[in-house]
Amino acid sequence: MSDRQVAVVTGGSAGIGADICQRMLADGYEVVNLARRAPEWDHPRFTSVQVDLLDAAATEEAAQQIARDFPVSHFIHNAGVIWPKLLGDVTLDELQGLTQIHLGAAISLMQAFLPGMSARGFGRVVLMSSRGALGLPTRTAYSATKAGMIGMARTWALELAPKGITVNVVAPGPIQTDMYYAVIEAGSERDKALAASIPVRRVGRADDVTRAVMFFAAPDNSFVTGQTLYVCGGASIGSITI
């Protein structure tokens, strides 16, 4: 394993992704961010690449360039969108879009980074799924593609384990981000009711998710692969009372 640790994080300009980037920088990593918008912050070991991961060709081009420029040791695929709609309103274009950003982009990026990781005998991959993978109203395309990430990660874990590369999944529940507040108004009755329905009685914070990512990303954690960790305050357990 090289002493140089370079983490590629998608969607690292804001929200959970920014928190992950800043924590990794604090821990000494070099970080490369891929996001549609430029971040409002900077760091000497931070490189930001503007790319729309919904664009498969642009994603492939960015992936190959990063693989040429950096010895990537860590890949955290955090970027995602929700596009909530009831079944009767979902379009196949939306399904294809979420398939590209959640699955296709991950494949393109990992295919670019895999030769270097394999040659060095080390890699840490973390895919960001969701509590919604277990099912949630208005999430047909979102749940399908987020569940697909879990199956994909388990497959990668089996294929890549002999190469020293671990692949795991973090699946957050409701987290205080712009994406969350785009669906639920901050301080609304719905916001309060949702927090009250979570077993720990609060909505999550970005740093709750970052700590899980950092566990899977740790170089010492070579015996944990193919796993999914729900960071959801107990929301994935079930709340039916009989």
Protein backbone atom coordinates (compact mmCIF):
# COMPACT_ATOMS: atom_id res chain seq x y z
CA MET A 1 0.00 0.00 0.00
CA SER A 2 1.27 3.45 -0.95
CA ASP A 3 1.78 5.99 1.82
CA ARG A 4 -0.12 8.47 -0.35
CA GLN A 5 -3.84 8.22 0.39
CA VAL A 6 -6.09 9.85 -2.23
CA ALA A 7 -9.86 9.76 -1.77
CA VAL A 8 -12.29 10.51 -4.58
CA VAL A 9 -15.64 11.69 -3.23
CA THR A 10 -18.64 12.35 -5.46
CA GLY A 11 -21.06 15.09 -4.46
CA GLY A 12 -18.53 16.62 -2.10
CA SER A 13 -19.38 20.29 -2.56
CA ALA A 14 -22.09 20.43 0.09
CA GLY A 15 -24.05 18.41 2.63
CA ILE A 16 -22.89 14.93 3.60
CA GLY A 17 -20.28 14.91 0.84
CA ALA A 18 -18.64 18.11 2.06
CA ASP A 19 -18.56 16.78 5.61
CA ILE A 20 -16.87 13.59 4.38
CA CYS A 21 -14.31 15.58 2.37
CA GLN A 22 -13.46 17.87 5.26
CA ARG A 23 -13.10 14.97 7.70
CA MET A 24 -10.81 13.11 5.30
CA LEU A 25 -8.71 16.23 4.78
CA ALA A 26 -8.45 16.64 8.56
CA ASP A 27 -7.20 13.05 8.74
CA GLY A 28 -4.46 13.71 6.20
CA TYR A 29 -5.98 12.43 2.97
CA GLU A 30 -5.75 14.13 -0.38
CA VAL A 31 -9.31 14.55 -1.64
CA VAL A 32 -10.72 14.86 -5.15
CA ASN A 33 -14.33 16.01 -5.35
CA LEU A 34 -16.59 15.35 -8.34
CA ALA A 35 -19.72 17.48 -8.28
CA ARG A 36 -22.01 19.46 -10.52
CA ARG A 37 -21.38 22.69 -8.61
CA ALA A 38 -18.17 24.14 -7.25
CA PRO A 39 -17.72 24.11 -3.46
CA GLU A 40 -17.67 27.33 -1.46
CA TRP A 41 -14.58 26.21 0.47
CA ASP A 42 -11.06 25.06 -0.33
CA HIS A 43 -8.02 23.31 1.13
CA PRO A 44 -4.40 22.80 -0.05
CA ARG A 45 -4.99 19.05 -0.49
CA PHE A 46 -8.41 19.44 -2.09
CA THR A 47 -9.12 19.27 -5.83
CA SER A 48 -12.61 19.84 -7.20
CA VAL A 49 -13.76 18.68 -10.63
CA GLN A 50 -17.06 20.02 -11.95
CA VAL A 51 -18.98 17.29 -13.77
CA ASP A 52 -22.62 16.27 -14.06
CA LEU A 53 -22.71 12.60 -13.15
CA LEU A 54 -26.01 12.30 -15.01
CA ASP A 55 -23.90 12.69 -18.15
CA ALA A 56 -22.33 9.28 -18.77
CA ALA A 57 -19.76 10.49 -21.31
CA ALA A 58 -18.62 13.40 -19.12
CA THR A 59 -18.38 11.09 -16.13
CA GLU A 60 -16.23 8.61 -18.05
CA GLU A 61 -13.92 11.39 -19.22
CA ALA A 62 -13.51 12.76 -15.68
CA ALA A 63 -12.90 9.27 -14.30
CA GLN A 64 -10.10 8.54 -16.76
CA GLN A 65 -8.45 11.93 -16.15
CA ILE A 66 -8.49 11.49 -12.36
CA ALA A 67 -7.07 7.97 -12.69
CA ARG A 68 -4.20 9.40 -14.77
CA ASP A 69 -3.51 12.27 -12.37
CA PHE A 70 -3.93 10.62 -8.95
CA PRO A 71 -3.07 7.28 -7.29
CA VAL A 72 -6.63 6.78 -6.05
CA SER A 73 -6.81 4.66 -2.90
CA HIS A 74 -10.36 5.45 -1.73
CA PHE A 75 -13.61 5.93 -3.64
CA ILE A 76 -16.72 7.22 -1.85
CA HIS A 77 -19.74 7.46 -4.15
CA ASN A 78 -21.94 9.88 -2.24
CA ALA A 79 -23.66 11.84 -5.03
CA GLY A 80 -27.34 11.22 -5.61
CA VAL A 81 -30.75 12.69 -6.27
CA ILE A 82 -34.26 11.71 -5.14
CA TRP A 83 -36.88 12.89 -7.68
CA PRO A 84 -39.85 11.68 -5.57
CA LYS A 85 -42.98 10.59 -7.47
CA LEU A 86 -45.82 8.15 -6.96
CA LEU A 87 -45.76 5.07 -9.18
CA GLY A 88 -48.32 6.43 -11.63
CA ASP A 89 -46.19 9.50 -12.33
CA VAL A 90 -42.70 7.96 -12.63
CA THR A 91 -41.11 8.21 -16.07
CA LEU A 92 -38.58 5.84 -17.58
CA ASP A 93 -36.31 8.81 -18.26
CA GLU A 94 -36.21 9.46 -14.50
CA LEU A 95 -35.43 5.80 -13.82
CA GLN A 96 -32.61 5.92 -16.36
CA GLY A 97 -31.27 9.13 -14.84
CA LEU A 98 -31.16 7.72 -11.33
CA THR A 99 -29.66 4.50 -12.67
CA GLN A 100 -26.86 6.55 -14.23
CA ILE A 101 -26.03 8.66 -11.19
CA HIS A 102 -26.37 5.93 -8.56
CA LEU A 103 -25.07 2.92 -10.51
CA GLY A 104 -23.60 3.89 -13.88
CA ALA A 105 -21.36 6.64 -12.50
CA ALA A 106 -20.10 4.31 -9.78
CA ILE A 107 -19.20 1.68 -12.36
CA SER A 108 -17.41 4.14 -14.66
CA LEU A 109 -15.40 5.64 -11.83
CA MET A 110 -14.50 2.35 -10.22
CA GLN A 111 -13.46 0.83 -13.55
CA ALA A 112 -11.04 3.74 -13.98
CA PHE A 113 -9.61 3.40 -10.46
CA LEU A 114 -9.50 -0.40 -10.34
CA PRO A 115 -6.22 -0.99 -12.22
CA GLY A 116 -4.30 1.30 -9.86
CA MET A 117 -5.90 -0.12 -6.73
CA SER A 118 -5.23 -3.66 -7.95
CA ALA A 119 -1.59 -2.90 -8.74
CA ARG A 120 -1.07 -1.44 -5.25
CA GLY A 121 -3.01 -4.25 -3.55
CA PHE A 122 -5.17 -1.80 -1.63
CA GLY A 123 -8.47 0.03 -1.98
CA ARG A 124 -11.42 1.20 0.05
CA VAL A 125 -14.78 1.70 -1.66
CA VAL A 126 -17.89 3.05 0.07
CA LEU A 127 -21.20 3.42 -1.78
CA MET A 128 -23.90 5.65 -0.33
CA SER A 129 -27.26 3.90 -0.47
CA SER A 130 -30.29 4.89 1.62
CA ARG A 131 -32.82 3.71 4.16
CA GLY A 132 -35.16 4.18 1.20
CA ALA A 133 -33.71 1.02 -0.36
CA LEU A 134 -36.04 -0.87 1.99
CA GLY A 135 -39.06 0.84 0.44
CA LEU A 136 -40.70 4.24 0.84
CA PRO A 137 -43.73 5.88 -0.81
CA THR A 138 -42.89 8.07 -3.83
CA ARG A 139 -39.47 6.42 -4.23
CA THR A 140 -39.95 3.88 -7.05
CA ALA A 141 -36.85 4.88 -9.07
CA TYR A 142 -34.85 6.02 -6.05
CA SER A 143 -35.45 2.89 -3.97
CA ALA A 144 -34.78 0.61 -6.93
CA THR A 145 -31.41 2.18 -7.73
CA LYS A 146 -30.36 2.58 -4.09
CA ALA A 147 -31.18 -1.10 -3.49
CA GLY A 148 -29.19 -1.89 -6.61
CA MET A 149 -26.15 -0.26 -5.03
CA ILE A 150 -26.28 -2.79 -2.19
CA GLY A 151 -26.33 -5.76 -4.55
CA MET A 152 -23.59 -4.23 -6.67
CA ALA A 153 -21.38 -3.60 -3.63
CA ARG A 154 -21.76 -7.20 -2.46
CA THR A 155 -20.73 -8.43 -5.90
CA TRP A 156 -17.73 -6.09 -6.04
CA ALA A 157 -16.74 -7.17 -2.53
CA LEU A 158 -16.51 -10.79 -3.66
CA GLU A 159 -14.61 -9.99 -6.83
CA LEU A 160 -12.15 -7.52 -5.30
CA ALA A 161 -11.39 -9.03 -1.89
CA PRO A 162 -8.36 -11.01 -3.19
CA LYS A 163 -6.93 -7.71 -4.50
CA GLY A 164 -6.94 -6.06 -1.07
CA ILE A 165 -9.97 -3.89 -1.96
CA THR A 166 -12.95 -3.72 0.39
CA VAL A 167 -16.39 -2.53 -0.71
CA ASN A 168 -19.08 -1.50 1.76
CA VAL A 169 -22.29 0.51 1.87
CA VAL A 170 -23.58 3.25 4.15
CA ALA A 171 -27.36 3.69 4.03
CA PRO A 172 -28.52 6.89 5.77
CA GLY A 173 -32.01 7.64 6.96
CA PRO A 174 -33.32 11.23 7.07
CA ILE A 175 -30.33 13.59 7.35
CA GLN A 176 -30.37 17.37 7.69
CA THR A 177 -29.20 18.36 4.19
CA ASP A 178 -30.44 20.55 1.36
CA MET A 179 -31.78 17.41 -0.33
CA TYR A 180 -33.84 16.56 2.75
CA TYR A 181 -35.19 20.08 3.10
CA ALA A 182 -36.08 20.17 -0.59
CA VAL A 183 -38.63 17.47 0.20
CA ILE A 184 -39.60 18.43 3.76
CA GLU A 185 -39.83 22.04 4.91
CA ALA A 186 -37.57 22.81 7.85
CA GLY A 187 -39.50 23.23 11.10
CA SER A 188 -42.78 22.13 9.53
CA GLU A 189 -45.21 19.80 11.25
CA ARG A 190 -44.11 17.08 8.84
CA ASP A 191 -40.48 17.66 9.83
CA LYS A 192 -41.37 17.42 13.53
CA ALA A 193 -43.54 14.35 13.02
CA LEU A 194 -40.80 12.57 11.11
CA ALA A 195 -38.25 13.26 13.85
CA ALA A 196 -40.71 11.98 16.46
CA SER A 197 -41.26 8.77 14.47
CA ILE A 198 -37.56 7.86 14.46
CA PRO A 199 -36.66 5.64 17.43
CA VAL A 200 -33.87 7.99 18.60
CA ARG A 201 -36.32 10.93 18.23
CA ARG A 202 -34.25 13.11 15.92
CA VAL A 203 -33.26 13.55 12.31
CA GLY A 204 -29.65 12.67 11.54
CA ARG A 205 -26.74 15.01 10.93
CA ALA A 206 -24.08 14.84 8.24
CA ASP A 207 -21.40 13.91 10.78
CA ASP A 208 -23.44 10.84 11.80
CA VAL A 209 -22.97 9.52 8.27
CA THR A 210 -19.35 10.63 7.98
CA ARG A 211 -18.33 8.56 11.01
CA ALA A 212 -19.73 5.43 9.34
CA VAL A 213 -17.91 6.22 6.10
CA MET A 214 -14.64 6.74 7.95
CA PHE A 215 -14.99 3.36 9.65
CA PHE A 216 -15.23 1.58 6.29
CA ALA A 217 -12.51 3.79 4.79
CA ALA A 218 -9.92 3.04 7.47
CA PRO A 219 -6.87 1.23 6.07
CA ASP A 220 -6.85 -1.05 9.13
CA ASN A 221 -10.37 -2.35 8.39
CA SER A 222 -9.36 -5.02 5.91
CA PHE A 223 -11.63 -7.73 7.33
CA VAL A 224 -14.94 -5.90 6.76
CA THR A 225 -16.35 -6.06 3.23
CA GLY A 226 -19.70 -6.50 1.50
CA GLN A 227 -21.57 -4.97 4.43
CA THR A 228 -24.38 -2.40 4.63
CA LEU A 229 -24.57 -0.09 7.63
CA TYR A 230 -27.85 1.77 8.14
CA VAL A 231 -27.29 5.15 9.77
CA CYS A 232 -30.92 5.90 10.42
CA GLY A 233 -31.62 6.27 14.14
CA GLY A 234 -33.36 2.89 14.11
CA ALA A 235 -35.73 3.75 11.25
CA SER A 236 -34.72 0.62 9.33
CA ILE A 237 -35.81 -1.70 12.12
CA GLY A 238 -39.55 -1.14 11.86
CA SER A 239 -42.04 0.71 13.98
CA ILE A 240 -45.25 -1.34 13.96
CA THR A 241 -46.80 -1.67 17.42
CA ILE A 242 -49.20 -4.57 18.04
